[in-house]
Amino acid sequence: MAEAKGLKKPVKLKSDLAAFLGATELPRTEITKKLWDYIKANGLQTKTENGAPQGGGKYIVADAKLLTIFRNTKSTSKSGKLTDLTQMSEGQTIDMMQMAAVVGANIE
């Protein structure tokens, strides 16, 4: 069987994400899937920035468990946009497009 490459190649998870997902290595695709499963199962989406959870929408509402992961995120995209969630509080939101930055900040 061929070795997994790209997004399907397992990556080492930093401690907070490893504790959250219950694994030390996973492919990026599986990390994102498991995070979305948690978000959807707990109704942590909203249609408005910093709005109350509504169970759907493009913003993700941080609960206590997600905060441990979100607060590890401080990165600059190739386009120069800074994603700094280090001071985030419970109940605040991130745009779903920031999930790639969250995953990237929580892997080694």
N, C-alpha and C. Protein backbone atom coordinates (compact mmCIF):
# COMPACT_ATOMS: atom_id res chain seq x y z
N MET A 1 0.84 -1.19 0.00
CA MET A 1 0.00 0.00 0.00
C MET A 1 0.89 1.25 0.00
N ALA A 2 0.52 2.23 -0.76
CA ALA A 2 1.31 3.46 -0.90
C ALA A 2 1.27 4.28 0.39
N GLU A 3 2.35 5.02 0.63
CA GLU A 3 2.43 5.89 1.80
C GLU A 3 1.52 7.09 1.59
N ALA A 4 0.80 7.47 2.66
CA ALA A 4 -0.10 8.62 2.59
C ALA A 4 0.72 9.90 2.39
N LYS A 5 0.19 10.80 1.55
CA LYS A 5 0.88 12.05 1.25
C LYS A 5 -0.08 13.22 1.40
N GLY A 6 0.49 14.43 1.44
CA GLY A 6 -0.32 15.65 1.47
C GLY A 6 -1.23 15.71 2.68
N LEU A 7 -2.48 16.05 2.46
CA LEU A 7 -3.45 16.21 3.54
C LEU A 7 -3.79 14.90 4.23
N LYS A 8 -3.51 13.78 3.56
CA LYS A 8 -3.84 12.47 4.15
C LYS A 8 -2.70 11.88 4.96
N LYS A 9 -1.54 12.57 4.96
CA LYS A 9 -0.40 12.10 5.72
C LYS A 9 -0.60 12.45 7.20
N PRO A 10 -0.46 11.48 8.11
CA PRO A 10 -0.61 11.80 9.53
C PRO A 10 0.43 12.81 10.01
N VAL A 11 -0.02 13.74 10.85
CA VAL A 11 0.86 14.75 11.44
C VAL A 11 0.78 14.63 12.96
N LYS A 12 1.84 15.05 13.63
CA LYS A 12 1.89 14.99 15.09
C LYS A 12 1.10 16.16 15.67
N LEU A 13 0.22 15.86 16.63
CA LEU A 13 -0.62 16.89 17.24
C LEU A 13 0.05 17.45 18.49
N LYS A 14 -0.09 18.76 18.69
CA LYS A 14 0.38 19.36 19.93
C LYS A 14 -0.52 18.89 21.07
N SER A 15 -0.06 19.03 22.30
CA SER A 15 -0.71 18.40 23.46
C SER A 15 -2.19 18.76 23.63
N ASP A 16 -2.57 20.02 23.49
CA ASP A 16 -3.98 20.40 23.69
C ASP A 16 -4.90 19.75 22.67
N LEU A 17 -4.49 19.76 21.41
CA LEU A 17 -5.31 19.14 20.36
C LEU A 17 -5.32 17.62 20.53
N ALA A 18 -4.18 17.05 20.91
CA ALA A 18 -4.11 15.60 21.13
C ALA A 18 -5.07 15.18 22.24
N ALA A 19 -5.11 15.95 23.32
CA ALA A 19 -6.03 15.65 24.42
C ALA A 19 -7.49 15.79 23.98
N PHE A 20 -7.77 16.82 23.19
CA PHE A 20 -9.13 17.07 22.70
C PHE A 20 -9.62 15.93 21.81
N LEU A 21 -8.74 15.48 20.89
CA LEU A 21 -9.13 14.46 19.92
C LEU A 21 -8.84 13.04 20.36
N GLY A 22 -8.05 12.87 21.41
CA GLY A 22 -7.74 11.53 21.90
C GLY A 22 -6.79 10.77 20.99
N ALA A 23 -5.91 11.49 20.31
CA ALA A 23 -4.93 10.85 19.41
C ALA A 23 -3.68 11.72 19.37
N THR A 24 -2.53 11.11 19.06
CA THR A 24 -1.30 11.89 18.98
C THR A 24 -0.92 12.21 17.54
N GLU A 25 -1.45 11.44 16.59
CA GLU A 25 -1.20 11.69 15.16
C GLU A 25 -2.46 11.41 14.37
N LEU A 26 -2.77 12.32 13.46
CA LEU A 26 -3.92 12.17 12.55
C LEU A 26 -3.63 12.95 11.28
N PRO A 27 -4.24 12.55 10.16
CA PRO A 27 -4.14 13.38 8.95
C PRO A 27 -4.93 14.68 9.16
N ARG A 28 -4.51 15.75 8.47
CA ARG A 28 -5.21 17.03 8.59
C ARG A 28 -6.70 16.90 8.28
N THR A 29 -7.03 16.08 7.29
CA THR A 29 -8.44 15.91 6.92
C THR A 29 -9.24 15.34 8.08
N GLU A 30 -8.67 14.40 8.82
CA GLU A 30 -9.35 13.78 9.95
C GLU A 30 -9.45 14.75 11.13
N ILE A 31 -8.41 15.57 11.34
CA ILE A 31 -8.44 16.58 12.41
C ILE A 31 -9.62 17.52 12.17
N THR A 32 -9.70 18.05 10.95
CA THR A 32 -10.77 18.98 10.61
C THR A 32 -12.13 18.33 10.75
N LYS A 33 -12.27 17.09 10.28
CA LYS A 33 -13.54 16.37 10.38
C LYS A 33 -13.97 16.21 11.84
N LYS A 34 -13.05 15.80 12.70
CA LYS A 34 -13.37 15.59 14.11
C LYS A 34 -13.74 16.90 14.81
N LEU A 35 -13.05 17.99 14.47
CA LEU A 35 -13.40 19.29 15.04
C LEU A 35 -14.81 19.70 14.61
N TRP A 36 -15.11 19.53 13.33
CA TRP A 36 -16.45 19.88 12.84
C TRP A 36 -17.52 18.98 13.45
N ASP A 37 -17.21 17.70 13.64
CA ASP A 37 -18.18 16.80 14.30
C ASP A 37 -18.52 17.33 15.69
N TYR A 38 -17.49 17.77 16.43
CA TYR A 38 -17.70 18.32 17.78
C TYR A 38 -18.53 19.60 17.71
N ILE A 39 -18.16 20.49 16.81
CA ILE A 39 -18.86 21.78 16.67
C ILE A 39 -20.34 21.56 16.35
N LYS A 40 -20.61 20.68 15.41
CA LYS A 40 -22.00 20.42 15.01
C LYS A 40 -22.77 19.69 16.11
N ALA A 41 -22.15 18.71 16.76
CA ALA A 41 -22.82 17.95 17.82
C ALA A 41 -23.20 18.83 18.99
N ASN A 42 -22.44 19.90 19.22
CA ASN A 42 -22.69 20.79 20.34
C ASN A 42 -23.37 22.10 19.94
N GLY A 43 -23.81 22.19 18.68
CA GLY A 43 -24.55 23.36 18.21
C GLY A 43 -23.77 24.65 18.35
N LEU A 44 -22.48 24.62 18.02
CA LEU A 44 -21.61 25.78 18.23
C LEU A 44 -21.39 26.62 16.97
N GLN A 45 -22.43 26.77 16.18
CA GLN A 45 -22.37 27.64 15.00
C GLN A 45 -23.41 28.75 15.14
N THR A 46 -23.12 29.89 14.53
CA THR A 46 -24.05 31.02 14.54
C THR A 46 -23.91 31.77 13.21
N LYS A 47 -24.93 32.50 12.86
CA LYS A 47 -24.92 33.25 11.60
C LYS A 47 -24.30 34.63 11.75
N THR A 48 -24.11 35.10 12.99
CA THR A 48 -23.58 36.44 13.21
C THR A 48 -22.30 36.38 14.05
N GLU A 49 -21.39 37.32 13.77
CA GLU A 49 -20.14 37.38 14.52
C GLU A 49 -20.45 37.66 15.99
N ASN A 50 -19.88 36.83 16.87
CA ASN A 50 -20.08 36.90 18.32
C ASN A 50 -21.55 36.77 18.73
N GLY A 51 -22.33 36.07 17.89
CA GLY A 51 -23.72 35.80 18.22
C GLY A 51 -23.86 34.55 19.07
N ALA A 52 -25.05 34.33 19.59
CA ALA A 52 -25.33 33.15 20.39
C ALA A 52 -25.38 31.92 19.49
N PRO A 53 -25.00 30.74 20.00
CA PRO A 53 -25.06 29.53 19.19
C PRO A 53 -26.47 29.30 18.64
N GLN A 54 -26.54 28.99 17.34
CA GLN A 54 -27.82 28.75 16.68
C GLN A 54 -27.87 27.38 16.02
N GLY A 55 -26.76 26.65 16.03
CA GLY A 55 -26.74 25.34 15.40
C GLY A 55 -26.48 25.40 13.91
N GLY A 56 -26.21 26.56 13.35
CA GLY A 56 -25.89 26.68 11.93
C GLY A 56 -25.36 28.06 11.64
N GLY A 57 -24.53 28.17 10.61
CA GLY A 57 -23.98 29.46 10.24
C GLY A 57 -22.49 29.38 10.00
N LYS A 58 -21.89 30.50 9.57
CA LYS A 58 -20.49 30.48 9.18
C LYS A 58 -19.53 30.82 10.31
N TYR A 59 -20.05 31.16 11.49
CA TYR A 59 -19.19 31.46 12.62
C TYR A 59 -19.23 30.32 13.64
N ILE A 60 -18.09 30.07 14.26
CA ILE A 60 -17.97 29.02 15.27
C ILE A 60 -17.85 29.68 16.63
N VAL A 61 -18.72 29.29 17.55
CA VAL A 61 -18.74 29.85 18.89
C VAL A 61 -17.81 29.03 19.78
N ALA A 62 -16.87 29.70 20.43
CA ALA A 62 -15.90 29.01 21.29
C ALA A 62 -16.54 28.63 22.62
N ASP A 63 -16.47 27.34 22.95
CA ASP A 63 -16.84 26.90 24.30
C ASP A 63 -15.53 26.64 25.04
N ALA A 64 -15.61 26.21 26.28
CA ALA A 64 -14.41 26.02 27.11
C ALA A 64 -13.44 25.01 26.48
N LYS A 65 -13.96 23.95 25.88
CA LYS A 65 -13.09 22.93 25.28
C LYS A 65 -12.39 23.45 24.02
N LEU A 66 -13.10 24.15 23.17
CA LEU A 66 -12.49 24.69 21.95
C LEU A 66 -11.48 25.79 22.26
N LEU A 67 -11.72 26.54 23.33
CA LEU A 67 -10.80 27.62 23.69
C LEU A 67 -9.38 27.12 23.90
N THR A 68 -9.22 25.93 24.47
CA THR A 68 -7.88 25.40 24.72
C THR A 68 -7.11 25.25 23.41
N ILE A 69 -7.82 24.99 22.33
CA ILE A 69 -7.19 24.84 21.01
C ILE A 69 -7.08 26.20 20.31
N PHE A 70 -8.16 26.96 20.32
CA PHE A 70 -8.18 28.25 19.63
C PHE A 70 -7.09 29.18 20.16
N ARG A 71 -6.87 29.20 21.46
CA ARG A 71 -5.89 30.12 22.06
C ARG A 71 -4.45 29.82 21.68
N ASN A 72 -4.19 28.68 21.05
CA ASN A 72 -2.84 28.35 20.57
C ASN A 72 -2.57 28.97 19.20
N THR A 73 -3.56 29.65 18.64
CA THR A 73 -3.48 30.13 17.26
C THR A 73 -3.00 31.57 17.16
N LYS A 74 -1.83 31.72 16.55
CA LYS A 74 -1.31 33.03 16.17
C LYS A 74 -0.44 32.79 14.95
N SER A 75 -0.99 33.10 13.78
CA SER A 75 -0.27 32.84 12.54
C SER A 75 -0.60 33.89 11.50
N THR A 76 0.28 34.01 10.52
CA THR A 76 0.09 34.93 9.42
C THR A 76 -0.03 34.12 8.13
N SER A 77 -1.08 34.39 7.38
CA SER A 77 -1.30 33.67 6.12
C SER A 77 -0.33 34.17 5.06
N LYS A 78 -0.29 33.46 3.93
CA LYS A 78 0.56 33.87 2.81
C LYS A 78 0.18 35.25 2.29
N SER A 79 -1.09 35.63 2.44
CA SER A 79 -1.53 36.95 1.98
C SER A 79 -1.23 38.04 3.00
N GLY A 80 -0.69 37.64 4.18
CA GLY A 80 -0.31 38.61 5.19
C GLY A 80 -1.35 38.86 6.26
N LYS A 81 -2.48 38.13 6.23
CA LYS A 81 -3.52 38.31 7.23
C LYS A 81 -3.14 37.59 8.53
N LEU A 82 -3.20 38.31 9.65
CA LEU A 82 -2.86 37.75 10.95
C LEU A 82 -4.10 37.13 11.59
N THR A 83 -3.96 35.91 12.08
CA THR A 83 -5.00 35.26 12.86
C THR A 83 -4.43 35.08 14.26
N ASP A 84 -4.90 35.90 15.20
CA ASP A 84 -4.43 35.85 16.58
C ASP A 84 -5.61 35.60 17.50
N LEU A 85 -5.71 34.38 18.01
CA LEU A 85 -6.82 34.01 18.89
C LEU A 85 -6.35 33.82 20.33
N THR A 86 -5.15 34.26 20.63
CA THR A 86 -4.55 34.01 21.95
C THR A 86 -5.31 34.67 23.10
N GLN A 87 -6.06 35.73 22.83
CA GLN A 87 -6.81 36.43 23.87
C GLN A 87 -8.31 36.15 23.80
N MET A 88 -8.69 35.14 23.06
CA MET A 88 -10.10 34.83 22.84
C MET A 88 -10.79 34.41 24.14
N SER A 89 -12.08 34.74 24.26
CA SER A 89 -12.87 34.38 25.43
C SER A 89 -14.00 33.44 25.04
N GLU A 90 -14.49 32.70 26.00
CA GLU A 90 -15.62 31.81 25.77
C GLU A 90 -16.81 32.63 25.27
N GLY A 91 -17.49 32.12 24.23
CA GLY A 91 -18.63 32.80 23.65
C GLY A 91 -18.29 33.65 22.45
N GLN A 92 -16.99 33.97 22.26
CA GLN A 92 -16.60 34.70 21.07
C GLN A 92 -16.58 33.74 19.89
N THR A 93 -16.53 34.29 18.68
CA THR A 93 -16.60 33.45 17.48
C THR A 93 -15.38 33.62 16.60
N ILE A 94 -15.17 32.60 15.76
CA ILE A 94 -14.22 32.70 14.66
C ILE A 94 -14.98 32.39 13.38
N ASP A 95 -14.50 32.92 12.28
CA ASP A 95 -15.06 32.61 10.97
C ASP A 95 -14.61 31.19 10.61
N MET A 96 -15.48 30.41 10.02
CA MET A 96 -15.11 29.03 9.70
C MET A 96 -13.88 28.94 8.80
N MET A 97 -13.58 30.00 8.07
CA MET A 97 -12.40 29.99 7.20
C MET A 97 -11.11 30.04 8.01
N GLN A 98 -11.19 30.35 9.29
CA GLN A 98 -10.01 30.38 10.14
C GLN A 98 -9.64 29.00 10.69
N MET A 99 -10.45 27.99 10.41
CA MET A 99 -10.17 26.64 10.92
C MET A 99 -8.84 26.10 10.43
N ALA A 100 -8.45 26.44 9.21
CA ALA A 100 -7.15 25.97 8.70
C ALA A 100 -6.01 26.53 9.54
N ALA A 101 -6.13 27.80 9.97
CA ALA A 101 -5.11 28.40 10.82
C ALA A 101 -5.09 27.74 12.20
N VAL A 102 -6.26 27.40 12.71
CA VAL A 102 -6.35 26.72 14.01
C VAL A 102 -5.67 25.35 13.94
N VAL A 103 -5.98 24.59 12.90
CA VAL A 103 -5.37 23.27 12.74
C VAL A 103 -3.85 23.42 12.57
N GLY A 104 -3.43 24.34 11.72
CA GLY A 104 -2.01 24.54 11.48
C GLY A 104 -1.23 24.93 12.72
N ALA A 105 -1.86 25.70 13.60
CA ALA A 105 -1.21 26.15 14.82
C ALA A 105 -1.12 25.06 15.89
N ASN A 106 -1.90 23.99 15.71
CA ASN A 106 -1.96 22.94 16.72
C ASN A 106 -1.32 21.64 16.31
N ILE A 107 -0.51 21.69 15.23
CA ILE A 107 0.23 20.50 14.82
C ILE A 107 1.73 20.85 14.79
N GLU A 108 2.55 19.81 14.88
CA GLU A 108 4.01 20.04 14.86
C GLU A 108 4.58 19.74 13.51
